[in-house]
Every structure is written in structure tokens, then in C-alpha cells.
């Protein structure tokens, strides 16, 4: 979170005998009762050789939702605290019409440590 951006990585595997073009699209949503104005995620298209796997990074996009969007451990205990999980939904579509969908719940936090002399 130091640079206020978000990216996601995907492994795209082609089990067919010929190369395929795969387009990834992603959306962000809240995973509890808190709503955020999420940034739009760009799509990404990659060609994957036959019987191969490609590693794809999508982003970065600006994450300007502030510290209220972070996940914080509730230590020390704070009354009324709610974790802020988010959900990334990824849709993959191939040039031959196949599709695949996956959804991932995530959260993040920022910590720092200061050494005193």
C-alpha cells in the first residue's frame, strides 16, 4: 500500500494443442456490508502457447480508498471494529469461446517498525 496501487497476478494455462488468445477482465466488490467506490480494473489479453502456462500481471491501478479500506487486526480491541475484506472476480475468455471464472477474497494492511537508538 506504500505506493497506493493494486495489481493482481494470474496464471493462465492452455491445455490444448494449439496456441490460444485469452482475455482477462476483473472486477472489485466489497465482501461485507461496507461499500467502496472501487477503481475499474483494466482488461489484459495474452497469447498462450500450446501446453503452456503464462504468468500475467494486471494493473497497477490507483487505490485511493484510504485506510478505512484496509484490514487491521483488532488488537488492541476496538469496539465496533469490522474487518474490511474485498472480493476480486476474474473472468477469462478464450478466442475459441471457452470461459472460466474465479473469485478471491482478500484484504491488506500496512505496518511499519521503528527502531529507537
PDB file of N, CA and C in Angstrom:
ATOM      1  N   UNK A   1       0.812  -1.204   0.000  1.00  0.00           N
ATOM      2  CA  UNK A   1       0.000   0.000   0.000  1.00  0.00           C
ATOM      3  C   UNK A   1       0.851   1.262   0.000  1.00  0.00           C
ATOM      4  N   UNK A   2       2.153   1.109   0.132  1.00  0.00           N
ATOM      5  CA  UNK A   2       3.027   2.277   0.181  1.00  0.00           C
ATOM      6  C   UNK A   2       2.876   3.154  -1.057  1.00  0.00           C
ATOM      7  N   UNK A   3       2.658   2.554  -2.217  1.00  0.00           N
ATOM      8  CA  UNK A   3       2.520   3.344  -3.433  1.00  0.00           C
ATOM      9  C   UNK A   3       1.052   3.544  -3.846  1.00  0.00           C
ATOM     10  N   UNK A   4       0.112   3.124  -2.999  1.00  0.00           N
ATOM     11  CA  UNK A   4      -1.321   3.340  -3.218  1.00  0.00           C
ATOM     12  C   UNK A   4      -1.809   2.782  -4.553  1.00  0.00           C
ATOM     13  N   UNK A   5      -1.332   1.577  -4.907  1.00  0.00           N
ATOM     14  CA  UNK A   5      -1.781   0.911  -6.121  1.00  0.00           C
ATOM     15  C   UNK A   5      -2.146  -0.535  -5.826  1.00  0.00           C
ATOM     16  N   UNK A   6      -2.893  -1.114  -6.754  1.00  0.00           N
ATOM     17  CA  UNK A   6      -3.300  -2.506  -6.645  1.00  0.00           C
ATOM     18  C   UNK A   6      -3.054  -3.196  -7.978  1.00  0.00           C
ATOM     19  N   UNK A   7      -2.497  -4.397  -7.928  1.00  0.00           N
ATOM     20  CA  UNK A   7      -2.303  -5.252  -9.097  1.00  0.00           C
ATOM     21  C   UNK A   7      -2.728  -6.653  -8.710  1.00  0.00           C
ATOM     22  N   UNK A   8      -3.030  -7.487  -9.707  1.00  0.00           N
ATOM     23  CA  UNK A   8      -3.220  -8.906  -9.414  1.00  0.00           C
ATOM     24  C   UNK A   8      -2.495  -9.733 -10.453  1.00  0.00           C
ATOM     25  N   UNK A   9      -2.032 -10.901 -10.021  1.00  0.00           N
ATOM     26  CA  UNK A   9      -1.315 -11.834 -10.878  1.00  0.00           C
ATOM     27  C   UNK A   9      -2.206 -13.031 -11.150  1.00  0.00           C
ATOM     28  N   UNK A  10      -2.133 -13.548 -12.380  1.00  0.00           N
ATOM     29  CA  UNK A  10      -2.910 -14.725 -12.756  1.00  0.00           C
ATOM     30  C   UNK A  10      -2.015 -15.671 -13.550  1.00  0.00           C
ATOM     31  N   UNK A  11      -2.187 -16.951 -13.310  1.00  0.00           N
ATOM     32  CA  UNK A  11      -1.544 -17.982 -14.112  1.00  0.00           C
ATOM     33  C   UNK A  11      -2.586 -18.496 -15.095  1.00  0.00           C
ATOM     34  N   UNK A  12      -2.278 -18.428 -16.386  1.00  0.00           N
ATOM     35  CA  UNK A  12      -3.204 -18.851 -17.432  1.00  0.00           C
ATOM     36  C   UNK A  12      -2.599 -20.071 -18.111  1.00  0.00           C
ATOM     37  N   UNK A  13      -3.289 -21.205 -17.998  1.00  0.00           N
ATOM     38  CA  UNK A  13      -2.794 -22.462 -18.555  1.00  0.00           C
ATOM     39  C   UNK A  13      -3.604 -22.860 -19.783  1.00  0.00           C
ATOM     40  N   UNK A  14      -2.893 -23.196 -20.849  1.00  0.00           N
ATOM     41  CA  UNK A  14      -3.506 -23.665 -22.086  1.00  0.00           C
ATOM     42  C   UNK A  14      -3.208 -25.155 -22.209  1.00  0.00           C
ATOM     43  N   UNK A  15      -4.220 -25.990 -22.072  1.00  0.00           N
ATOM     44  CA  UNK A  15      -4.029 -27.443 -22.168  1.00  0.00           C
ATOM     45  C   UNK A  15      -4.293 -27.966 -23.576  1.00  0.00           C
ATOM     46  N   UNK A  16      -4.636 -27.069 -24.494  1.00  0.00           N
ATOM     47  CA  UNK A  16      -4.940 -27.509 -25.861  1.00  0.00           C
ATOM     48  C   UNK A  16      -3.660 -27.680 -26.677  1.00  0.00           C
ATOM     49  N   UNK A  17      -3.818 -28.230 -27.862  1.00  0.00           N
ATOM     50  CA  UNK A  17      -2.693 -28.492 -28.745  1.00  0.00           C
ATOM     51  C   UNK A  17      -2.321 -27.335 -29.658  1.00  0.00           C
ATOM     52  N   UNK A  18      -2.983 -26.181 -29.507  1.00  0.00           N
ATOM     53  CA  UNK A  18      -2.623 -25.007 -30.303  1.00  0.00           C
ATOM     54  C   UNK A  18      -2.655 -23.764 -29.421  1.00  0.00           C
ATOM     55  N   UNK A  19      -1.967 -22.722 -29.861  1.00  0.00           N
ATOM     56  CA  UNK A  19      -1.930 -21.503 -29.051  1.00  0.00           C
ATOM     57  C   UNK A  19      -3.326 -20.891 -28.959  1.00  0.00           C
ATOM     58  N   UNK A  20      -3.590 -20.197 -27.879  1.00  0.00           N
ATOM     59  CA  UNK A  20      -4.879 -19.555 -27.632  1.00  0.00           C
ATOM     60  C   UNK A  20      -4.655 -18.131 -27.146  1.00  0.00           C
ATOM     61  N   UNK A  21      -5.537 -17.251 -27.554  1.00  0.00           N
ATOM     62  CA  UNK A  21      -5.550 -15.897 -27.030  1.00  0.00           C
ATOM     63  C   UNK A  21      -6.585 -15.850 -25.914  1.00  0.00           C
ATOM     64  N   UNK A  22      -6.168 -15.360 -24.752  1.00  0.00           N
ATOM     65  CA  UNK A  22      -7.029 -15.314 -23.574  1.00  0.00           C
ATOM     66  C   UNK A  22      -7.147 -13.863 -23.115  1.00  0.00           C
ATOM     67  N   UNK A  23      -8.371 -13.442 -22.850  1.00  0.00           N
ATOM     68  CA  UNK A  23      -8.615 -12.105 -22.327  1.00  0.00           C
ATOM     69  C   UNK A  23      -9.097 -12.215 -20.890  1.00  0.00           C
ATOM     70  N   UNK A  24      -8.400 -11.509 -19.996  1.00  0.00           N
ATOM     71  CA  UNK A  24      -8.772 -11.465 -18.577  1.00  0.00           C
ATOM     72  C   UNK A  24      -9.450 -10.142 -18.281  1.00  0.00           C
ATOM     73  N   UNK A  25     -10.569 -10.200 -17.566  1.00  0.00           N
ATOM     74  CA  UNK A  25     -11.213  -9.000 -17.048  1.00  0.00           C
ATOM     75  C   UNK A  25     -11.480  -9.234 -15.566  1.00  0.00           C
ATOM     76  N   UNK A  26     -11.388  -8.180 -14.792  1.00  0.00           N
ATOM     77  CA  UNK A  26     -11.605  -8.317 -13.357  1.00  0.00           C
ATOM     78  C   UNK A  26     -12.475  -7.208 -12.818  1.00  0.00           C
ATOM     79  N   UNK A  27     -13.179  -7.513 -11.739  1.00  0.00           N
ATOM     80  CA  UNK A  27     -13.978  -6.509 -11.044  1.00  0.00           C
ATOM     81  C   UNK A  27     -13.737  -6.638  -9.549  1.00  0.00           C
ATOM     82  N   UNK A  28     -13.870  -5.535  -8.865  1.00  0.00           N
ATOM     83  CA  UNK A  28     -13.724  -5.493  -7.412  1.00  0.00           C
ATOM     84  C   UNK A  28     -15.079  -5.217  -6.777  1.00  0.00           C
ATOM     85  N   UNK A  29     -15.305  -5.822  -5.612  1.00  0.00           N
ATOM     86  CA  UNK A  29     -16.544  -5.605  -4.867  1.00  0.00           C
ATOM     87  C   UNK A  29     -16.248  -5.748  -3.382  1.00  0.00           C
ATOM     88  N   UNK A  30     -17.119  -5.211  -2.557  1.00  0.00           N
ATOM     89  CA  UNK A  30     -16.957  -5.365  -1.113  1.00  0.00           C
ATOM     90  C   UNK A  30     -17.440  -6.743  -0.701  1.00  0.00           C
ATOM     91  N   UNK A  31     -16.855  -7.245   0.389  1.00  0.00           N
ATOM     92  CA  UNK A  31     -17.190  -8.598   0.835  1.00  0.00           C
ATOM     93  C   UNK A  31     -17.871  -8.590   2.203  1.00  0.00           C
ATOM     94  N   UNK A  32     -18.325  -7.445   2.622  1.00  0.00           N
ATOM     95  CA  UNK A  32     -19.159  -7.341   3.827  1.00  0.00           C
ATOM     96  C   UNK A  32     -20.111  -6.181   3.604  1.00  0.00           C
ATOM     97  N   UNK A  33     -20.623  -5.597   4.630  1.00  0.00           N
ATOM     98  CA  UNK A  33     -21.653  -4.569   4.462  1.00  0.00           C
ATOM     99  C   UNK A  33     -21.099  -3.187   4.125  1.00  0.00           C
ATOM    100  N   UNK A  34     -19.784  -3.024   4.116  1.00  0.00           N
ATOM    101  CA  UNK A  34     -19.202  -1.726   3.789  1.00  0.00           C
ATOM    102  C   UNK A  34     -19.054  -1.607   2.276  1.00  0.00           C
ATOM    103  N   UNK A  35     -19.430  -0.473   1.730  1.00  0.00           N
ATOM    104  CA  UNK A  35     -19.348  -0.248   0.291  1.00  0.00           C
ATOM    105  C   UNK A  35     -18.238   0.750  -0.013  1.00  0.00           C
ATOM    106  N   UNK A  36     -17.479   0.480  -1.071  1.00  0.00           N
ATOM    107  CA  UNK A  36     -16.420   1.381  -1.505  1.00  0.00           C
ATOM    108  C   UNK A  36     -16.626   1.713  -2.975  1.00  0.00           C
ATOM    109  N   UNK A  37     -16.069   2.826  -3.398  1.00  0.00           N
ATOM    110  CA  UNK A  37     -16.077   3.217  -4.799  1.00  0.00           C
ATOM    111  C   UNK A  37     -14.793   2.680  -5.435  1.00  0.00           C
ATOM    112  N   UNK A  38     -14.838   1.418  -5.859  1.00  0.00           N
ATOM    113  CA  UNK A  38     -13.645   0.734  -6.348  1.00  0.00           C
ATOM    114  C   UNK A  38     -13.184   1.261  -7.695  1.00  0.00           C
ATOM    115  N   UNK A  39     -11.868   1.206  -7.932  1.00  0.00           N
ATOM    116  CA  UNK A  39     -11.366   1.580  -9.257  1.00  0.00           C
ATOM    117  C   UNK A  39     -11.716   0.503 -10.286  1.00  0.00           C
ATOM    118  N   UNK A  40     -11.835   0.904 -11.532  1.00  0.00           N
ATOM    119  CA  UNK A  40     -12.051  -0.057 -12.620  1.00  0.00           C
ATOM    120  C   UNK A  40     -10.725  -0.750 -12.906  1.00  0.00           C
ATOM    121  N   UNK A  41     -10.785  -2.043 -13.147  1.00  0.00           N
ATOM    122  CA  UNK A  41      -9.587  -2.803 -13.483  1.00  0.00           C
ATOM    123  C   UNK A  41      -9.475  -2.932 -14.997  1.00  0.00           C
ATOM    124  N   UNK A  42      -8.270  -2.757 -15.533  1.00  0.00           N
ATOM    125  CA  UNK A  42      -8.117  -2.909 -16.979  1.00  0.00           C
ATOM    126  C   UNK A  42      -8.190  -4.377 -17.379  1.00  0.00           C
ATOM    127  N   UNK A  43      -8.577  -4.632 -18.614  1.00  0.00           N
ATOM    128  CA  UNK A  43      -8.510  -5.984 -19.147  1.00  0.00           C
ATOM    129  C   UNK A  43      -7.100  -6.238 -19.666  1.00  0.00           C
ATOM    130  N   UNK A  44      -6.783  -7.489 -19.855  1.00  0.00           N
ATOM    131  CA  UNK A  44      -5.464  -7.838 -20.385  1.00  0.00           C
ATOM    132  C   UNK A  44      -5.622  -9.049 -21.283  1.00  0.00           C
ATOM    133  N   UNK A  45      -5.015  -8.991 -22.472  1.00  0.00           N
ATOM    134  CA  UNK A  45      -5.069 -10.091 -23.428  1.00  0.00           C
ATOM    135  C   UNK A  45      -3.670 -10.653 -23.600  1.00  0.00           C
ATOM    136  N   UNK A  46      -3.581 -11.978 -23.596  1.00  0.00           N
ATOM    137  CA  UNK A  46      -2.292 -12.660 -23.716  1.00  0.00           C
ATOM    138  C   UNK A  46      -2.472 -13.868 -24.622  1.00  0.00           C
ATOM    139  N   UNK A  47      -1.440 -14.178 -25.389  1.00  0.00           N
ATOM    140  CA  UNK A  47      -1.444 -15.400 -26.193  1.00  0.00           C
ATOM    141  C   UNK A  47      -0.610 -16.437 -25.461  1.00  0.00           C
ATOM    142  N   UNK A  48      -1.205 -17.619 -25.256  1.00  0.00           N
ATOM    143  CA  UNK A  48      -0.549 -18.694 -24.512  1.00  0.00           C
ATOM    144  C   UNK A  48      -0.271 -19.841 -25.482  1.00  0.00           C
ATOM    145  N   UNK A  49       0.986 -20.258 -25.549  1.00  0.00           N
ATOM    146  CA  UNK A  49       1.378 -21.346 -26.441  1.00  0.00           C
ATOM    147  C   UNK A  49       0.698 -22.648 -26.021  1.00  0.00           C
ATOM    148  N   UNK A  50       0.627 -23.588 -26.946  1.00  0.00           N
ATOM    149  CA  UNK A  50       0.036 -24.899 -26.659  1.00  0.00           C
ATOM    150  C   UNK A  50       0.749 -25.563 -25.488  1.00  0.00           C
ATOM    151  N   UNK A  51      -0.022 -26.186 -24.614  1.00  0.00           N
ATOM    152  CA  UNK A  51       0.500 -26.919 -23.453  1.00  0.00           C
ATOM    153  C   UNK A  51       1.450 -26.062 -22.614  1.00  0.00           C
ATOM    154  N   UNK A  52       1.095 -24.801 -22.400  1.00  0.00           N
ATOM    155  CA  UNK A  52       1.949 -23.873 -21.661  1.00  0.00           C
ATOM    156  C   UNK A  52       1.135 -23.083 -20.647  1.00  0.00           C
ATOM    157  N   UNK A  53       1.866 -22.427 -19.766  1.00  0.00           N
ATOM    158  CA  UNK A  53       1.271 -21.535 -18.781  1.00  0.00           C
ATOM    159  C   UNK A  53       1.942 -20.171 -18.894  1.00  0.00           C
ATOM    160  N   UNK A  54       1.143 -19.119 -18.878  1.00  0.00           N
ATOM    161  CA  UNK A  54       1.655 -17.746 -18.901  1.00  0.00           C
ATOM    162  C   UNK A  54       1.309 -17.078 -17.576  1.00  0.00           C
ATOM    163  N   UNK A  55       2.266 -16.351 -17.026  1.00  0.00           N
ATOM    164  CA  UNK A  55       2.033 -15.556 -15.824  1.00  0.00           C
ATOM    165  C   UNK A  55       1.684 -14.142 -16.280  1.00  0.00           C
ATOM    166  N   UNK A  56       0.546 -13.638 -15.810  1.00  0.00           N
ATOM    167  CA  UNK A  56       0.024 -12.350 -16.266  1.00  0.00           C
ATOM    168  C   UNK A  56      -0.173 -11.442 -15.058  1.00  0.00           C
ATOM    169  N   UNK A  57       0.292 -10.193 -15.165  1.00  0.00           N
ATOM    170  CA  UNK A  57       0.033  -9.178 -14.145  1.00  0.00           C
ATOM    171  C   UNK A  57      -0.917  -8.148 -14.729  1.00  0.00           C
ATOM    172  N   UNK A  58      -1.992  -7.868 -14.010  1.00  0.00           N
ATOM    173  CA  UNK A  58      -2.975  -6.870 -14.426  1.00  0.00           C
ATOM    174  C   UNK A  58      -2.869  -5.697 -13.460  1.00  0.00           C
ATOM    175  N   UNK A  59      -2.701  -4.514 -13.983  1.00  0.00           N
ATOM    176  CA  UNK A  59      -2.528  -3.328 -13.158  1.00  0.00           C
ATOM    177  C   UNK A  59      -1.114  -2.812 -13.336  1.00  0.00           C
ATOM    178  N   UNK A  60      -0.731  -1.864 -12.538  1.00  0.00           N
ATOM    179  CA  UNK A  60      -1.423  -1.392 -11.344  1.00  0.00           C
ATOM    180  C   UNK A  60      -2.508  -0.354 -11.649  1.00  0.00           C
ATOM    181  N   UNK A  61      -3.433  -0.263 -10.714  1.00  0.00           N
ATOM    182  CA  UNK A  61      -4.448   0.793 -10.734  1.00  0.00           C
ATOM    183  C   UNK A  61      -4.330   1.560  -9.423  1.00  0.00           C
ATOM    184  N   UNK A  62      -4.710   2.815  -9.465  1.00  0.00           N
ATOM    185  CA  UNK A  62      -4.650   3.643  -8.252  1.00  0.00           C
ATOM    186  C   UNK A  62      -5.638   3.126  -7.218  1.00  0.00           C
ATOM    187  N   UNK A  63      -5.188   3.013  -5.977  1.00  0.00           N
ATOM    188  CA  UNK A  63      -6.042   2.617  -4.861  1.00  0.00           C
ATOM    189  C   UNK A  63      -6.141   3.824  -3.938  1.00  0.00           C
ATOM    190  N   UNK A  64      -7.189   4.618  -4.117  1.00  0.00           N
ATOM    191  CA  UNK A  64      -7.366   5.862  -3.365  1.00  0.00           C
ATOM    192  C   UNK A  64      -8.496   5.757  -2.349  1.00  0.00           C
ATOM    193  N   UNK A  65      -8.692   4.558  -1.778  1.00  0.00           N
ATOM    194  CA  UNK A  65      -9.819   4.361  -0.863  1.00  0.00           C
ATOM    195  C   UNK A  65      -9.460   4.630   0.591  1.00  0.00           C
ATOM    196  N   UNK A  66      -8.215   4.931   0.867  1.00  0.00           N
ATOM    197  CA  UNK A  66      -7.810   5.315   2.210  1.00  0.00           C
ATOM    198  C   UNK A  66      -7.718   4.163   3.194  1.00  0.00           C
ATOM    199  N   UNK A  67      -7.319   4.495   4.396  1.00  0.00           N
ATOM    200  CA  UNK A  67      -7.072   3.479   5.422  1.00  0.00           C
ATOM    201  C   UNK A  67      -8.342   2.768   5.882  1.00  0.00           C
ATOM    202  N   UNK A  68      -9.514   3.332   5.632  1.00  0.00           N
ATOM    203  CA  UNK A  68     -10.743   2.630   6.022  1.00  0.00           C
ATOM    204  C   UNK A  68     -10.958   1.375   5.183  1.00  0.00           C
ATOM    205  N   UNK A  69     -10.253   1.254   4.059  1.00  0.00           N
ATOM    206  CA  UNK A  69     -10.371   0.068   3.215  1.00  0.00           C
ATOM    207  C   UNK A  69      -9.374  -1.026   3.607  1.00  0.00           C
ATOM    208  N   UNK A  70      -8.514  -0.749   4.575  1.00  0.00           N
ATOM    209  CA  UNK A  70      -7.503  -1.721   4.992  1.00  0.00           C
ATOM    210  C   UNK A  70      -8.101  -2.731   5.952  1.00  0.00           C
ATOM    211  N   UNK A  71      -7.462  -3.868   6.045  1.00  0.00           N
ATOM    212  CA  UNK A  71      -7.774  -4.868   7.061  1.00  0.00           C
ATOM    213  C   UNK A  71      -6.811  -4.636   8.204  1.00  0.00           C
ATOM    214  N   UNK A  72      -7.333  -4.508   9.400  1.00  0.00           N
ATOM    215  CA  UNK A  72      -6.490  -4.313  10.572  1.00  0.00           C
ATOM    216  C   UNK A  72      -6.809  -5.401  11.586  1.00  0.00           C
ATOM    217  N   UNK A  73      -5.801  -5.972  12.201  1.00  0.00           N
ATOM    218  CA  UNK A  73      -6.100  -6.900  13.300  1.00  0.00           C
ATOM    219  C   UNK A  73      -6.742  -6.093  14.436  1.00  0.00           C
ATOM    220  N   UNK A  74      -7.693  -6.668  15.094  1.00  0.00           N
ATOM    221  CA  UNK A  74      -8.411  -5.957  16.157  1.00  0.00           C
ATOM    222  C   UNK A  74      -7.647  -6.061  17.479  1.00  0.00           C
ATOM    223  N   UNK A  75      -6.372  -5.673  17.424  1.00  0.00           N
ATOM    224  CA  UNK A  75      -5.514  -5.675  18.614  1.00  0.00           C
ATOM    225  C   UNK A  75      -4.819  -4.327  18.651  1.00  0.00           C
ATOM    226  N   UNK A  76      -4.954  -3.515  19.655  1.00  0.00           N
ATOM    227  CA  UNK A  76      -5.807  -3.790  20.802  1.00  0.00           C
ATOM    228  C   UNK A  76      -7.283  -3.711  20.413  1.00  0.00           C
ATOM    229  N   UNK A  77      -8.111  -4.344  21.198  1.00  0.00           N
ATOM    230  CA  UNK A  77      -9.535  -4.467  20.930  1.00  0.00           C
ATOM    231  C   UNK A  77     -10.167  -3.095  20.766  1.00  0.00           C
ATOM    232  N   UNK A  78     -10.936  -2.942  19.693  1.00  0.00           N
ATOM    233  CA  UNK A  78     -11.719  -1.723  19.457  1.00  0.00           C
ATOM    234  C   UNK A  78     -13.163  -2.125  19.276  1.00  0.00           C
ATOM    235  N   UNK A  79     -14.018  -1.588  20.073  1.00  0.00           N
ATOM    236  CA  UNK A  79     -15.436  -1.882  19.987  1.00  0.00           C
ATOM    237  C   UNK A  79     -15.976  -1.436  18.633  1.00  0.00           C
ATOM    238  N   UNK A  80     -16.826  -2.275  18.020  1.00  0.00           N
ATOM    239  CA  UNK A  80     -17.445  -1.927  16.753  1.00  0.00           C
ATOM    240  C   UNK A  80     -16.569  -2.161  15.533  1.00  0.00           C
ATOM    241  N   UNK A  81     -15.380  -2.712  15.723  1.00  0.00           N
ATOM    242  CA  UNK A  81     -14.476  -2.946  14.602  1.00  0.00           C
ATOM    243  C   UNK A  81     -15.045  -3.977  13.637  1.00  0.00           C
ATOM    244  N   UNK A  82     -14.885  -3.739  12.338  1.00  0.00           N
ATOM    245  CA  UNK A  82     -15.247  -4.703  11.296  1.00  0.00           C
ATOM    246  C   UNK A  82     -14.077  -4.796  10.329  1.00  0.00           C
ATOM    247  N   UNK A  83     -13.645  -6.013  10.060  1.00  0.00           N
ATOM    248  CA  UNK A  83     -12.604  -6.219   9.059  1.00  0.00           C
ATOM    249  C   UNK A  83     -13.119  -5.755   7.705  1.00  0.00           C
ATOM    250  N   UNK A  84     -12.236  -5.326   6.823  1.00  0.00           N
ATOM    251  CA  UNK A  84     -12.627  -4.827   5.508  1.00  0.00           C
ATOM    252  C   UNK A  84     -12.117  -5.753   4.400  1.00  0.00           C
ATOM    253  N   UNK A  85     -12.732  -6.928   4.255  1.00  0.00           N
ATOM    254  CA  UNK A  85     -12.332  -7.787   3.148  1.00  0.00           C
ATOM    255  C   UNK A  85     -12.935  -7.290   1.830  1.00  0.00           C
ATOM    256  N   UNK A  86     -12.266  -7.609   0.752  1.00  0.00           N
ATOM    257  CA  UNK A  86     -12.699  -7.230  -0.588  1.00  0.00           C
ATOM    258  C   UNK A  86     -12.778  -8.493  -1.430  1.00  0.00           C
ATOM    259  N   UNK A  87     -13.413  -8.407  -2.592  1.00  0.00           N
ATOM    260  CA  UNK A  87     -13.531  -9.565  -3.468  1.00  0.00           C
ATOM    261  C   UNK A  87     -13.108  -9.165  -4.882  1.00  0.00           C
ATOM    262  N   UNK A  88     -12.186  -9.969  -5.436  1.00  0.00           N
ATOM    263  CA  UNK A  88     -11.761  -9.830  -6.817  1.00  0.00           C
ATOM    264  C   UNK A  88     -12.388 -10.962  -7.612  1.00  0.00           C
ATOM    265  N   UNK A  89     -13.162 -10.625  -8.633  1.00  0.00           N
ATOM    266  CA  UNK A  89     -13.736 -11.624  -9.540  1.00  0.00           C
ATOM    267  C   UNK A  89     -13.018 -11.498 -10.869  1.00  0.00           C
ATOM    268  N   UNK A  90     -12.499 -12.628 -11.363  1.00  0.00           N
ATOM    269  CA  UNK A  90     -11.747 -12.640 -12.615  1.00  0.00           C
ATOM    270  C   UNK A  90     -12.483 -13.514 -13.622  1.00  0.00           C
ATOM    271  N   UNK A  91     -12.641 -12.988 -14.827  1.00  0.00           N
ATOM    272  CA  UNK A  91     -13.275 -13.723 -15.922  1.00  0.00           C
ATOM    273  C   UNK A  91     -12.245 -13.887 -17.030  1.00  0.00           C
ATOM    274  N   UNK A  92     -12.058 -15.114 -17.495  1.00  0.00           N
ATOM    275  CA  UNK A  92     -11.151 -15.399 -18.605  1.00  0.00           C
ATOM    276  C   UNK A  92     -11.967 -15.923 -19.771  1.00  0.00           C
ATOM    277  N   UNK A  93     -11.710 -15.393 -20.960  1.00  0.00           N
ATOM    278  CA  UNK A  93     -12.380 -15.897 -22.155  1.00  0.00           C
ATOM    279  C   UNK A  93     -11.336 -16.129 -23.243  1.00  0.00           C
ATOM    280  N   UNK A  94     -11.470 -17.251 -23.944  1.00  0.00           N
ATOM    281  CA  UNK A  94     -10.509 -17.609 -24.975  1.00  0.00           C
ATOM    282  C   UNK A  94     -11.050 -17.291 -26.358  1.00  0.00           C
ATOM    283  N   UNK A  95     -10.157 -17.282 -27.329  1.00  0.00           N
ATOM    284  CA  UNK A  95     -10.555 -16.985 -28.696  1.00  0.00           C
ATOM    285  C   UNK A  95     -11.419 -18.083 -29.313  1.00  0.00           C
ATOM    286  N   UNK A  96     -11.502 -19.256 -28.665  1.00  0.00           N
ATOM    287  CA  UNK A  96     -12.380 -20.316 -29.186  1.00  0.00           C
ATOM    288  C   UNK A  96     -13.681 -20.436 -28.391  1.00  0.00           C
ATOM    289  N   UNK A  97     -13.975 -19.421 -27.545  1.00  0.00           N
ATOM    290  CA  UNK A  97     -15.267 -19.362 -26.872  1.00  0.00           C
ATOM    291  C   UNK A  97     -15.343 -19.963 -25.482  1.00  0.00           C
ATOM    292  N   UNK A  98     -14.270 -20.539 -24.974  1.00  0.00           N
ATOM    293  CA  UNK A  98     -14.298 -21.086 -23.619  1.00  0.00           C
ATOM    294  C   UNK A  98     -14.148 -19.957 -22.596  1.00  0.00           C
ATOM    295  N   UNK A  99     -14.774 -20.152 -21.446  1.00  0.00           N
ATOM    296  CA  UNK A  99     -14.678 -19.158 -20.376  1.00  0.00           C
ATOM    297  C   UNK A  99     -14.382 -19.843 -19.049  1.00  0.00           C
ATOM    298  N   UNK A 100     -13.857 -19.052 -18.138  1.00  0.00           N
ATOM    299  CA  UNK A 100     -13.585 -19.523 -16.781  1.00  0.00           C
ATOM    300  C   UNK A 100     -13.729 -18.342 -15.844  1.00  0.00           C
ATOM    301  N   UNK A 101     -14.294 -18.590 -14.664  1.00  0.00           N
ATOM    302  CA  UNK A 101     -14.481 -17.537 -13.671  1.00  0.00           C
ATOM    303  C   UNK A 101     -13.909 -17.983 -12.337  1.00  0.00           C
ATOM    304  N   UNK A 102     -13.346 -17.033 -11.621  1.00  0.00           N
ATOM    305  CA  UNK A 102     -12.821 -17.306 -10.287  1.00  0.00           C
ATOM    306  C   UNK A 102     -13.044 -16.066  -9.429  1.00  0.00           C
ATOM    307  N   UNK A 103     -13.182 -16.283  -8.129  1.00  0.00           N
ATOM    308  CA  UNK A 103     -13.402 -15.192  -7.189  1.00  0.00           C
ATOM    309  C   UNK A 103     -12.472 -15.372  -6.001  1.00  0.00           C
ATOM    310  N   UNK A 104     -11.864 -14.277  -5.556  1.00  0.00           N
ATOM    311  CA  UNK A 104     -10.881 -14.327  -4.471  1.00  0.00           C
ATOM    312  C   UNK A 104     -11.198 -13.257  -3.438  1.00  0.00           C
ATOM    313  N   UNK A 105     -11.245 -13.678  -2.201  1.00  0.00           N
ATOM    314  CA  UNK A 105     -11.444 -12.751  -1.086  1.00  0.00           C
ATOM    315  C   UNK A 105     -10.065 -12.321  -0.603  1.00  0.00           C
ATOM    316  N   UNK A 106      -9.887 -11.014  -0.375  1.00  0.00           N
ATOM    317  CA  UNK A 106      -8.583 -10.533   0.071  1.00  0.00           C
ATOM    318  C   UNK A 106      -8.733  -9.316   0.971  1.00  0.00           C
ATOM    319  N   UNK A 107      -7.686  -9.016   1.646  1.00  0.00           N
ATOM    320  CA  UNK A 107      -7.575  -7.818   2.462  1.00  0.00           C
ATOM    321  C   UNK A 107      -6.106  -7.463   2.540  1.00  0.00           C
ATOM    322  N   UNK A 108      -5.802  -6.285   2.996  1.00  0.00           N
ATOM    323  CA  UNK A 108      -4.410  -5.903   3.142  1.00  0.00           C
ATOM    324  C   UNK A 108      -4.280  -4.913   4.268  1.00  0.00           C
ATOM    325  N   UNK A 109      -3.063  -4.816   4.721  1.00  0.00           N
ATOM    326  CA  UNK A 109      -2.771  -3.872   5.789  1.00  0.00           C
ATOM    327  C   UNK A 109      -1.367  -3.356   5.589  1.00  0.00           C
ATOM    328  N   UNK A 110      -1.083  -2.277   6.238  1.00  0.00           N
ATOM    329  CA  UNK A 110       0.234  -1.673   6.167  1.00  0.00           C
ATOM    330  C   UNK A 110       0.785  -1.592   7.577  1.00  0.00           C
ATOM    331  N   UNK A 111       2.012  -2.033   7.737  1.00  0.00           N
ATOM    332  CA  UNK A 111       2.667  -1.941   9.041  1.00  0.00           C
ATOM    333  C   UNK A 111       4.028  -1.309   8.855  1.00  0.00           C
ATOM    334  N   UNK A 112       4.547  -0.788   9.919  1.00  0.00           N
ATOM    335  CA  UNK A 112       5.902  -0.246   9.902  1.00  0.00           C
ATOM    336  C   UNK A 112       6.532  -0.512  11.260  1.00  0.00           C
ATOM    337  N   UNK A 113       7.815  -0.469  11.273  1.00  0.00           N
ATOM    338  CA  UNK A 113       8.555  -0.697  12.512  1.00  0.00           C
ATOM    339  C   UNK A 113       9.617   0.372  12.616  1.00  0.00           C
ATOM    340  N   UNK A 114       9.699   0.969  13.779  1.00  0.00           N
ATOM    341  CA  UNK A 114      10.697   1.997  14.017  1.00  0.00           C
ATOM    342  C   UNK A 114      11.664   1.510  15.089  1.00  0.00           C
ATOM    343  N   UNK A 115      12.908   1.687  14.815  1.00  0.00           N
ATOM    344  CA  UNK A 115      13.943   1.325  15.790  1.00  0.00           C
ATOM    345  C   UNK A 115      14.407   2.584  16.493  1.00  0.00           C
ATOM    346  N   UNK A 116      14.449   2.501  17.780  1.00  0.00           N
ATOM    347  CA  UNK A 116      14.941   3.652  18.565  1.00  0.00           C
ATOM    348  C   UNK A 116      16.375   3.378  18.969  1.00  0.00           C
ATOM    349  N   UNK A 117      17.146   4.398  18.939  1.00  0.00           N
ATOM    350  CA  UNK A 117      18.551   4.274  19.365  1.00  0.00           C
ATOM    351  C   UNK A 117      18.762   4.921  20.693  1.00  0.00           C
TER     352      UNK A 117
END
